[in-house]
Amino acid sequence: MTESTDICPGDPYAGGMTDLSDAEVRAILREHRDGGPISRLYATGEITSNTVPALGMLSTDLDDEGRQAEADRVEDVIKYARAADERPPVNGWVGKL
């Protein structure tokens, strides 16, 4: 797994792997399923080029709503997704949790 080389200096979402487990990622995303990339990460572990931007929008929306603690947890998922890099659905994603 490699870090993206197109991270802008000062990017608040740049950084290494968080200590989140796959189960914690699913727990954080459970109520934020969107029918798109967030739902695919939740359901299958898939991370695409659209996952981090969708999570960033979610984090911003939560912050705008005054839900800072949730926004911070979504930012942790962003770090997880960046560290994991793009990947196809993970075999046994739900079963291994």
Protein backbone atom coordinates (compact mmCIF):
# COMPACT_ATOMS: atom_id res chain seq x y z
CA MET A 1 0.00 0.00 0.00
CA THR A 2 1.39 3.35 -0.97
CA GLU A 3 0.53 6.88 -0.07
CA SER A 4 -0.82 9.04 -2.86
CA THR A 5 1.79 11.26 -4.46
CA ASP A 6 -0.74 13.96 -5.33
CA ILE A 7 -1.39 15.07 -1.75
CA CYS A 8 -1.34 18.84 -1.53
CA PRO A 9 0.93 20.39 1.10
CA GLY A 10 -1.07 21.07 4.22
CA ASP A 11 -3.78 18.57 3.27
CA PRO A 12 -5.55 17.84 6.57
CA TYR A 13 -6.43 14.35 5.36
CA ALA A 14 -2.89 13.34 4.49
CA GLY A 15 -1.10 11.02 6.79
CA GLY A 16 -0.56 7.43 7.69
CA MET A 17 -2.79 4.60 8.70
CA THR A 18 -4.98 5.17 11.69
CA ASP A 19 -5.51 2.59 14.38
CA LEU A 20 -9.03 1.91 13.09
CA SER A 21 -10.04 -1.69 12.56
CA ASP A 22 -12.26 -2.69 9.68
CA ALA A 23 -15.10 -3.16 12.17
CA GLU A 24 -14.61 0.39 13.48
CA VAL A 25 -14.71 1.75 9.92
CA ARG A 26 -18.03 -0.01 9.39
CA ALA A 27 -19.40 1.27 12.72
CA ILE A 28 -18.48 4.87 11.87
CA LEU A 29 -20.00 4.65 8.39
CA ARG A 30 -23.14 2.69 9.33
CA GLU A 31 -25.45 5.70 9.57
CA HIS A 32 -23.80 7.57 6.70
CA ARG A 33 -24.37 5.10 3.85
CA ASP A 34 -25.01 7.08 0.69
CA GLY A 35 -25.75 4.48 -1.98
CA GLY A 36 -22.36 5.31 -3.50
CA PRO A 37 -18.70 5.08 -2.48
CA ILE A 38 -19.34 5.36 1.26
CA SER A 39 -21.85 2.51 1.04
CA ARG A 40 -19.38 0.40 -0.96
CA LEU A 41 -16.66 0.92 1.64
CA TYR A 42 -19.15 0.04 4.38
CA ALA A 43 -20.52 -3.05 2.63
CA THR A 44 -17.51 -4.48 0.83
CA GLY A 45 -14.35 -2.64 1.88
CA GLU A 46 -13.96 -1.28 -1.66
CA ILE A 47 -12.05 2.00 -1.96
CA THR A 48 -12.17 3.89 -5.27
CA SER A 49 -10.99 7.29 -6.43
CA ASN A 50 -14.39 8.63 -5.32
CA THR A 51 -14.24 7.34 -1.74
CA VAL A 52 -12.02 9.98 -0.13
CA PRO A 53 -13.82 12.94 -1.78
CA ALA A 54 -17.20 11.54 -0.65
CA LEU A 55 -15.89 11.08 2.89
CA GLY A 56 -14.48 14.63 2.82
CA MET A 57 -17.87 16.03 1.84
CA LEU A 58 -19.51 14.02 4.60
CA SER A 59 -17.00 15.30 7.16
CA THR A 60 -17.59 18.90 6.06
CA ASP A 61 -21.37 18.46 6.21
CA LEU A 62 -21.17 16.98 9.70
CA ASP A 63 -18.90 19.80 10.84
CA ASP A 64 -21.31 22.38 9.38
CA GLU A 65 -24.12 20.73 11.35
CA GLY A 66 -22.11 21.05 14.57
CA ARG A 67 -21.44 17.32 14.76
CA GLN A 68 -17.70 17.73 15.31
CA ALA A 69 -17.09 14.39 17.03
CA GLU A 70 -18.65 12.52 14.10
CA ALA A 71 -16.75 14.67 11.61
CA ASP A 72 -13.51 13.80 13.41
CA ARG A 73 -14.29 10.07 13.20
CA VAL A 74 -15.01 10.38 9.48
CA GLU A 75 -11.63 12.12 9.12
CA ASP A 76 -10.11 9.03 10.77
CA VAL A 77 -11.80 6.91 8.08
CA ILE A 78 -10.32 9.24 5.43
CA LYS A 79 -6.84 8.54 6.82
CA TYR A 80 -7.64 4.80 6.78
CA ALA A 81 -8.82 4.99 3.15
CA ARG A 82 -5.78 7.01 2.03
CA ALA A 83 -3.41 4.57 3.72
CA ALA A 84 -5.20 1.53 2.26
CA ASP A 85 -5.25 3.13 -1.21
CA GLU A 86 -7.68 2.12 -3.93
CA ARG A 87 -8.71 -1.51 -3.72
CA PRO A 88 -11.46 -3.79 -5.02
CA PRO A 89 -14.07 -5.30 -2.72
CA VAL A 90 -12.41 -7.30 0.04
CA ASN A 91 -13.27 -11.03 0.12
CA GLY A 92 -14.97 -11.84 3.40
CA TRP A 93 -15.15 -8.17 4.46
CA VAL A 94 -18.28 -8.61 6.57
CA GLY A 95 -17.52 -12.17 7.61
CA LYS A 96 -14.10 -11.30 9.02
CA LEU A 97 -15.42 -8.56 11.27
